[in-house]
Amino acid sequence: MTQALGWAATCVFVASYFFARAASLRAVQMAGALLWIVYGFLIDSKPVIAANALVFTAAAWTAARAQRNAPIRAHSG
């Protein structure tokens, strides 16, 4: 199970390189980081946990900043 999680995290990380839209890229980076954090806990690796907590925080912060700075669009429906 642990190995499968590590491989899934690796696949998500690699997949993030195929997203052109910044919002999608950040969402995939955050998902991958969460998988790596869980993996880090399972293998008891503080460096894996810390590195990916930083990646998750950076991706979330830049996503929030982009959301704040995005122009308000009128909804046409």
PDB file of N, CA and C in Angstrom:
ATOM      1  N   MET A   1       0.832  -1.201   0.000  1.00  0.00           N
ATOM      2  CA  MET A   1       0.000   0.000   0.000  1.00  0.00           C
ATOM      3  C   MET A   1       0.875   1.263   0.000  1.00  0.00           C
ATOM      4  N   THR A   2       1.896   1.278   0.828  1.00  0.00           N
ATOM      5  CA  THR A   2       2.788   2.433   0.888  1.00  0.00           C
ATOM      6  C   THR A   2       3.482   2.669  -0.447  1.00  0.00           C
ATOM      7  N   GLN A   3       3.955   1.580  -1.052  1.00  0.00           N
ATOM      8  CA  GLN A   3       4.615   1.693  -2.355  1.00  0.00           C
ATOM      9  C   GLN A   3       3.653   2.243  -3.406  1.00  0.00           C
ATOM     10  N   ALA A   4       2.415   1.783  -3.376  1.00  0.00           N
ATOM     11  CA  ALA A   4       1.409   2.251  -4.334  1.00  0.00           C
ATOM     12  C   ALA A   4       1.164   3.747  -4.162  1.00  0.00           C
ATOM     13  N   LEU A   5       1.118   4.206  -2.927  1.00  0.00           N
ATOM     14  CA  LEU A   5       0.930   5.635  -2.667  1.00  0.00           C
ATOM     15  C   LEU A   5       2.114   6.437  -3.199  1.00  0.00           C
ATOM     16  N   GLY A   6       3.311   5.931  -2.992  1.00  0.00           N
ATOM     17  CA  GLY A   6       4.501   6.605  -3.514  1.00  0.00           C
ATOM     18  C   GLY A   6       4.484   6.700  -5.033  1.00  0.00           C
ATOM     19  N   TRP A   7       4.065   5.629  -5.688  1.00  0.00           N
ATOM     20  CA  TRP A   7       3.967   5.649  -7.154  1.00  0.00           C
ATOM     21  C   TRP A   7       2.867   6.585  -7.615  1.00  0.00           C
ATOM     22  N   ALA A   8       1.751   6.610  -6.899  1.00  0.00           N
ATOM     23  CA  ALA A   8       0.657   7.531  -7.257  1.00  0.00           C
ATOM     24  C   ALA A   8       1.130   8.973  -7.119  1.00  0.00           C
ATOM     25  N   ALA A   9       1.842   9.277  -6.043  1.00  0.00           N
ATOM     26  CA  ALA A   9       2.370  10.626  -5.836  1.00  0.00           C
ATOM     27  C   ALA A   9       3.328  10.998  -6.959  1.00  0.00           C
ATOM     28  N   THR A  10       4.147  10.056  -7.366  1.00  0.00           N
ATOM     29  CA  THR A  10       5.076  10.290  -8.468  1.00  0.00           C
ATOM     30  C   THR A  10       4.319  10.595  -9.763  1.00  0.00           C
ATOM     31  N   CYS A  11       3.280   9.831 -10.041  1.00  0.00           N
ATOM     32  CA  CYS A  11       2.477  10.048 -11.264  1.00  0.00           C
ATOM     33  C   CYS A  11       1.809  11.416 -11.251  1.00  0.00           C
ATOM     34  N   VAL A  12       1.267  11.814 -10.112  1.00  0.00           N
ATOM     35  CA  VAL A  12       0.622  13.123 -10.011  1.00  0.00           C
ATOM     36  C   VAL A  12       1.656  14.224 -10.214  1.00  0.00           C
ATOM     37  N   PHE A  13       2.817  14.069  -9.603  1.00  0.00           N
ATOM     38  CA  PHE A  13       3.886  15.051  -9.751  1.00  0.00           C
ATOM     39  C   PHE A  13       4.297  15.206 -11.217  1.00  0.00           C
ATOM     40  N   VAL A  14       4.510  14.090 -11.896  1.00  0.00           N
ATOM     41  CA  VAL A  14       4.900  14.141 -13.309  1.00  0.00           C
ATOM     42  C   VAL A  14       3.773  14.736 -14.150  1.00  0.00           C
ATOM     43  N   ALA A  15       2.546  14.360 -13.859  1.00  0.00           N
ATOM     44  CA  ALA A  15       1.392  14.868 -14.613  1.00  0.00           C
ATOM     45  C   ALA A  15       1.279  16.385 -14.513  1.00  0.00           C
ATOM     46  N   SER A  16       1.732  16.957 -13.405  1.00  0.00           N
ATOM     47  CA  SER A  16       1.611  18.403 -13.222  1.00  0.00           C
ATOM     48  C   SER A  16       2.347  19.174 -14.323  1.00  0.00           C
ATOM     49  N   TYR A  17       3.343  18.567 -14.935  1.00  0.00           N
ATOM     50  CA  TYR A  17       4.088  19.233 -15.996  1.00  0.00           C
ATOM     51  C   TYR A  17       3.291  19.358 -17.292  1.00  0.00           C
ATOM     52  N   PHE A  18       2.172  18.664 -17.390  1.00  0.00           N
ATOM     53  CA  PHE A  18       1.363  18.693 -18.608  1.00  0.00           C
ATOM     54  C   PHE A  18       0.210  19.692 -18.535  1.00  0.00           C
ATOM     55  N   PHE A  19       0.092  20.401 -17.438  1.00  0.00           N
ATOM     56  CA  PHE A  19      -0.981  21.381 -17.288  1.00  0.00           C
ATOM     57  C   PHE A  19      -0.472  22.760 -17.671  1.00  0.00           C
ATOM     58  N   ALA A  20      -1.144  23.380 -18.628  1.00  0.00           N
ATOM     59  CA  ALA A  20      -0.722  24.694 -19.107  1.00  0.00           C
ATOM     60  C   ALA A  20      -1.334  25.821 -18.272  1.00  0.00           C
ATOM     61  N   ARG A  21      -2.572  25.640 -17.833  1.00  0.00           N
ATOM     62  CA  ARG A  21      -3.233  26.675 -17.039  1.00  0.00           C
ATOM     63  C   ARG A  21      -2.647  26.690 -15.631  1.00  0.00           C
ATOM     64  N   ALA A  22      -2.284  27.869 -15.178  1.00  0.00           N
ATOM     65  CA  ALA A  22      -1.640  28.007 -13.874  1.00  0.00           C
ATOM     66  C   ALA A  22      -2.515  27.472 -12.741  1.00  0.00           C
ATOM     67  N   ALA A  23      -3.820  27.731 -12.810  1.00  0.00           N
ATOM     68  CA  ALA A  23      -4.717  27.272 -11.745  1.00  0.00           C
ATOM     69  C   ALA A  23      -4.741  25.747 -11.675  1.00  0.00           C
ATOM     70  N   SER A  24      -4.760  25.106 -12.830  1.00  0.00           N
ATOM     71  CA  SER A  24      -4.751  23.639 -12.859  1.00  0.00           C
ATOM     72  C   SER A  24      -3.422  23.099 -12.350  1.00  0.00           C
ATOM     73  N   LEU A  25      -2.348  23.733 -12.766  1.00  0.00           N
ATOM     74  CA  LEU A  25      -1.023  23.319 -12.325  1.00  0.00           C
ATOM     75  C   LEU A  25      -0.925  23.364 -10.806  1.00  0.00           C
ATOM     76  N   ARG A  26      -1.368  24.472 -10.215  1.00  0.00           N
ATOM     77  CA  ARG A  26      -1.300  24.599  -8.753  1.00  0.00           C
ATOM     78  C   ARG A  26      -2.174  23.564  -8.056  1.00  0.00           C
ATOM     79  N   ALA A  27      -3.351  23.297  -8.594  1.00  0.00           N
ATOM     80  CA  ALA A  27      -4.242  22.299  -7.990  1.00  0.00           C
ATOM     81  C   ALA A  27      -3.601  20.911  -8.004  1.00  0.00           C
ATOM     82  N   VAL A  28      -2.975  20.565  -9.123  1.00  0.00           N
ATOM     83  CA  VAL A  28      -2.318  19.262  -9.222  1.00  0.00           C
ATOM     84  C   VAL A  28      -1.093  19.217  -8.318  1.00  0.00           C
ATOM     85  N   GLN A  29      -0.342  20.311  -8.242  1.00  0.00           N
ATOM     86  CA  GLN A  29       0.805  20.366  -7.331  1.00  0.00           C
ATOM     87  C   GLN A  29       0.363  20.169  -5.887  1.00  0.00           C
ATOM     88  N   MET A  30      -0.743  20.792  -5.512  1.00  0.00           N
ATOM     89  CA  MET A  30      -1.251  20.648  -4.144  1.00  0.00           C
ATOM     90  C   MET A  30      -1.680  19.207  -3.883  1.00  0.00           C
ATOM     91  N   ALA A  31      -2.356  18.586  -4.843  1.00  0.00           N
ATOM     92  CA  ALA A  31      -2.777  17.190  -4.680  1.00  0.00           C
ATOM     93  C   ALA A  31      -1.566  16.269  -4.548  1.00  0.00           C
ATOM     94  N   GLY A  32      -0.581  16.482  -5.407  1.00  0.00           N
ATOM     95  CA  GLY A  32       0.632  15.677  -5.335  1.00  0.00           C
ATOM     96  C   GLY A  32       1.358  15.856  -4.016  1.00  0.00           C
ATOM     97  N   ALA A  33       1.443  17.098  -3.558  1.00  0.00           N
ATOM     98  CA  ALA A  33       2.114  17.361  -2.282  1.00  0.00           C
ATOM     99  C   ALA A  33       1.395  16.663  -1.138  1.00  0.00           C
ATOM    100  N   LEU A  34       0.067  16.670  -1.161  1.00  0.00           N
ATOM    101  CA  LEU A  34      -0.680  15.970  -0.105  1.00  0.00           C
ATOM    102  C   LEU A  34      -0.391  14.473  -0.122  1.00  0.00           C
ATOM    103  N   LEU A  35      -0.327  13.896  -1.326  1.00  0.00           N
ATOM    104  CA  LEU A  35       0.015  12.471  -1.418  1.00  0.00           C
ATOM    105  C   LEU A  35       1.410  12.213  -0.858  1.00  0.00           C
ATOM    106  N   TRP A  36       2.360  13.083  -1.194  1.00  0.00           N
ATOM    107  CA  TRP A  36       3.726  12.914  -0.690  1.00  0.00           C
ATOM    108  C   TRP A  36       3.791  13.088   0.823  1.00  0.00           C
ATOM    109  N   ILE A  37       2.977  13.985   1.369  1.00  0.00           N
ATOM    110  CA  ILE A  37       2.950  14.178   2.823  1.00  0.00           C
ATOM    111  C   ILE A  37       2.466  12.907   3.512  1.00  0.00           C
ATOM    112  N   VAL A  38       1.382  12.334   3.001  1.00  0.00           N
ATOM    113  CA  VAL A  38       0.879  11.076   3.576  1.00  0.00           C
ATOM    114  C   VAL A  38       1.942   9.990   3.449  1.00  0.00           C
ATOM    115  N   TYR A  39       2.565   9.914   2.286  1.00  0.00           N
ATOM    116  CA  TYR A  39       3.640   8.938   2.074  1.00  0.00           C
ATOM    117  C   TYR A  39       4.775   9.166   3.084  1.00  0.00           C
ATOM    118  N   GLY A  40       5.140  10.428   3.286  1.00  0.00           N
ATOM    119  CA  GLY A  40       6.190  10.751   4.243  1.00  0.00           C
ATOM    120  C   GLY A  40       5.859  10.280   5.652  1.00  0.00           C
ATOM    121  N   PHE A  41       4.600  10.425   6.055  1.00  0.00           N
ATOM    122  CA  PHE A  41       4.183   9.922   7.371  1.00  0.00           C
ATOM    123  C   PHE A  41       4.274   8.403   7.424  1.00  0.00           C
ATOM    124  N   LEU A  42       3.861   7.750   6.346  1.00  0.00           N
ATOM    125  CA  LEU A  42       3.880   6.286   6.336  1.00  0.00           C
ATOM    126  C   LEU A  42       5.300   5.729   6.421  1.00  0.00           C
ATOM    127  N   ILE A  43       6.250   6.422   5.810  1.00  0.00           N
ATOM    128  CA  ILE A  43       7.638   5.934   5.861  1.00  0.00           C
ATOM    129  C   ILE A  43       8.438   6.633   6.953  1.00  0.00           C
ATOM    130  N   ASP A  44       7.765   7.479   7.718  1.00  0.00           N
ATOM    131  CA  ASP A  44       8.390   8.212   8.824  1.00  0.00           C
ATOM    132  C   ASP A  44       9.603   9.025   8.349  1.00  0.00           C
ATOM    133  N   SER A  45       9.365   9.872   7.333  1.00  0.00           N
ATOM    134  CA  SER A  45      10.433  10.691   6.771  1.00  0.00           C
ATOM    135  C   SER A  45      10.094  12.175   6.915  1.00  0.00           C
ATOM    136  N   LYS A  46      10.695  12.801   7.896  1.00  0.00           N
ATOM    137  CA  LYS A  46      10.446  14.224   8.123  1.00  0.00           C
ATOM    138  C   LYS A  46      10.851  15.102   6.937  1.00  0.00           C
ATOM    139  N   PRO A  47      11.960  14.814   6.241  1.00  0.00           N
ATOM    140  CA  PRO A  47      12.307  15.642   5.072  1.00  0.00           C
ATOM    141  C   PRO A  47      11.251  15.581   3.968  1.00  0.00           C
ATOM    142  N   VAL A  48      10.674  14.416   3.717  1.00  0.00           N
ATOM    143  CA  VAL A  48       9.626  14.287   2.696  1.00  0.00           C
ATOM    144  C   VAL A  48       8.401  15.096   3.126  1.00  0.00           C
ATOM    145  N   ILE A  49       8.038  14.985   4.398  1.00  0.00           N
ATOM    146  CA  ILE A  49       6.889  15.720   4.919  1.00  0.00           C
ATOM    147  C   ILE A  49       7.125  17.225   4.824  1.00  0.00           C
ATOM    148  N   ALA A  50       8.283  17.679   5.300  1.00  0.00           N
ATOM    149  CA  ALA A  50       8.580  19.112   5.313  1.00  0.00           C
ATOM    150  C   ALA A  50       8.655  19.696   3.909  1.00  0.00           C
ATOM    151  N   ALA A  51       9.351  19.024   3.013  1.00  0.00           N
ATOM    152  CA  ALA A  51       9.493  19.535   1.652  1.00  0.00           C
ATOM    153  C   ALA A  51       8.135  19.681   0.981  1.00  0.00           C
ATOM    154  N   ASN A  52       7.287  18.712   1.158  1.00  0.00           N
ATOM    155  CA  ASN A  52       5.997  18.752   0.490  1.00  0.00           C
ATOM    156  C   ASN A  52       4.994  19.641   1.208  1.00  0.00           C
ATOM    157  N   ALA A  53       5.162  19.847   2.493  1.00  0.00           N
ATOM    158  CA  ALA A  53       4.347  20.846   3.189  1.00  0.00           C
ATOM    159  C   ALA A  53       4.683  22.229   2.631  1.00  0.00           C
ATOM    160  N   LEU A  54       5.950  22.470   2.344  1.00  0.00           N
ATOM    161  CA  LEU A  54       6.361  23.741   1.745  1.00  0.00           C
ATOM    162  C   LEU A  54       5.808  23.883   0.326  1.00  0.00           C
ATOM    163  N   VAL A  55       5.857  22.809  -0.460  1.00  0.00           N
ATOM    164  CA  VAL A  55       5.302  22.845  -1.815  1.00  0.00           C
ATOM    165  C   VAL A  55       3.807  23.126  -1.753  1.00  0.00           C
ATOM    166  N   PHE A  56       3.098  22.423  -0.867  1.00  0.00           N
ATOM    167  CA  PHE A  56       1.652  22.632  -0.737  1.00  0.00           C
ATOM    168  C   PHE A  56       1.353  24.071  -0.340  1.00  0.00           C
ATOM    169  N   THR A  57       2.090  24.594   0.640  1.00  0.00           N
ATOM    170  CA  THR A  57       1.875  25.962   1.111  1.00  0.00           C
ATOM    171  C   THR A  57       2.140  26.970   0.002  1.00  0.00           C
ATOM    172  N   ALA A  58       3.224  26.792  -0.735  1.00  0.00           N
ATOM    173  CA  ALA A  58       3.549  27.718  -1.827  1.00  0.00           C
ATOM    174  C   ALA A  58       2.477  27.679  -2.913  1.00  0.00           C
ATOM    175  N   ALA A  59       2.026  26.489  -3.281  1.00  0.00           N
ATOM    176  CA  ALA A  59       0.997  26.366  -4.310  1.00  0.00           C
ATOM    177  C   ALA A  59      -0.319  26.981  -3.837  1.00  0.00           C
ATOM    178  N   ALA A  60      -0.684  26.726  -2.590  1.00  0.00           N
ATOM    179  CA  ALA A  60      -1.932  27.284  -2.050  1.00  0.00           C
ATOM    180  C   ALA A  60      -1.847  28.804  -1.958  1.00  0.00           C
ATOM    181  N   TRP A  61      -0.688  29.308  -1.537  1.00  0.00           N
ATOM    182  CA  TRP A  61      -0.519  30.760  -1.400  1.00  0.00           C
ATOM    183  C   TRP A  61      -0.596  31.442  -2.764  1.00  0.00           C
ATOM    184  N   THR A  62       0.079  30.876  -3.761  1.00  0.00           N
ATOM    185  CA  THR A  62       0.035  31.499  -5.081  1.00  0.00           C
ATOM    186  C   THR A  62      -1.351  31.367  -5.707  1.00  0.00           C
ATOM    187  N   ALA A  63      -2.064  30.273  -5.429  1.00  0.00           N
ATOM    188  CA  ALA A  63      -3.433  30.119  -5.923  1.00  0.00           C
ATOM    189  C   ALA A  63      -4.341  31.170  -5.292  1.00  0.00           C
ATOM    190  N   ALA A  64      -4.205  31.383  -3.996  1.00  0.00           N
ATOM    191  CA  ALA A  64      -5.021  32.390  -3.308  1.00  0.00           C
ATOM    192  C   ALA A  64      -4.694  33.786  -3.814  1.00  0.00           C
ATOM    193  N   ARG A  65      -3.421  34.052  -4.017  1.00  0.00           N
ATOM    194  CA  ARG A  65      -3.001  35.364  -4.531  1.00  0.00           C
ATOM    195  C   ARG A  65      -3.556  35.605  -5.927  1.00  0.00           C
ATOM    196  N   ALA A  66      -3.513  34.591  -6.775  1.00  0.00           N
ATOM    197  CA  ALA A  66      -4.043  34.716  -8.133  1.00  0.00           C
ATOM    198  C   ALA A  66      -5.551  34.932  -8.097  1.00  0.00           C
ATOM    199  N   GLN A  67      -6.218  34.252  -7.183  1.00  0.00           N
ATOM    200  CA  GLN A  67      -7.670  34.411  -7.041  1.00  0.00           C
ATOM    201  C   GLN A  67      -8.015  35.840  -6.624  1.00  0.00           C
ATOM    202  N   ARG A  68      -7.245  36.376  -5.690  1.00  0.00           N
ATOM    203  CA  ARG A  68      -7.470  37.749  -5.214  1.00  0.00           C
ATOM    204  C   ARG A  68      -7.233  38.765  -6.320  1.00  0.00           C
ATOM    205  N   ASN A  69      -6.239  38.513  -7.153  1.00  0.00           N
ATOM    206  CA  ASN A  69      -5.854  39.483  -8.197  1.00  0.00           C
ATOM    207  C   ASN A  69      -6.596  39.271  -9.506  1.00  0.00           C
ATOM    208  N   ALA A  70      -7.413  38.242  -9.592  1.00  0.00           N
ATOM    209  CA  ALA A  70      -8.138  37.967 -10.835  1.00  0.00           C
ATOM    210  C   ALA A  70      -9.217  39.029 -11.042  1.00  0.00           C
ATOM    211  N   PRO A  71      -9.374  39.464 -12.297  1.00  0.00           N
ATOM    212  CA  PRO A  71     -10.437  40.436 -12.558  1.00  0.00           C
ATOM    213  C   PRO A  71     -11.802  39.793 -12.330  1.00  0.00           C
ATOM    214  N   ILE A  72     -12.719  40.602 -11.871  1.00  0.00           N
ATOM    215  CA  ILE A  72     -14.066  40.111 -11.638  1.00  0.00           C
ATOM    216  C   ILE A  72     -14.777  40.046 -12.992  1.00  0.00           C
ATOM    217  N   ARG A  73     -15.298  38.878 -13.301  1.00  0.00           N
ATOM    218  CA  ARG A  73     -15.955  38.675 -14.591  1.00  0.00           C
ATOM    219  C   ARG A  73     -17.458  38.644 -14.372  1.00  0.00           C
ATOM    220  N   ALA A  74     -18.168  39.288 -15.265  1.00  0.00           N
ATOM    221  CA  ALA A  74     -19.622  39.264 -15.206  1.00  0.00           C
ATOM    222  C   ALA A  74     -20.099  37.884 -15.624  1.00  0.00           C
ATOM    223  N   HIS A  75     -21.054  37.377 -14.892  1.00  0.00           N
ATOM    224  CA  HIS A  75     -21.609  36.071 -15.212  1.00  0.00           C
ATOM    225  C   HIS A  75     -22.705  36.222 -16.248  1.00  0.00           C
ATOM    226  N   SER A  76     -22.543  35.546 -17.341  1.00  0.00           N
ATOM    227  CA  SER A  76     -23.601  35.597 -18.359  1.00  0.00           C
ATOM    228  C   SER A  76     -24.238  34.218 -18.410  1.00  0.00           C
ATOM    229  N   GLY A  77     -25.479  34.150 -18.178  1.00  0.00           N
ATOM    230  CA  GLY A  77     -26.072  32.840 -18.118  1.00  0.00           C
ATOM    231  C   GLY A  77     -27.431  32.847 -18.536  1.00  0.00           C
TER     232      GLY A  77
END
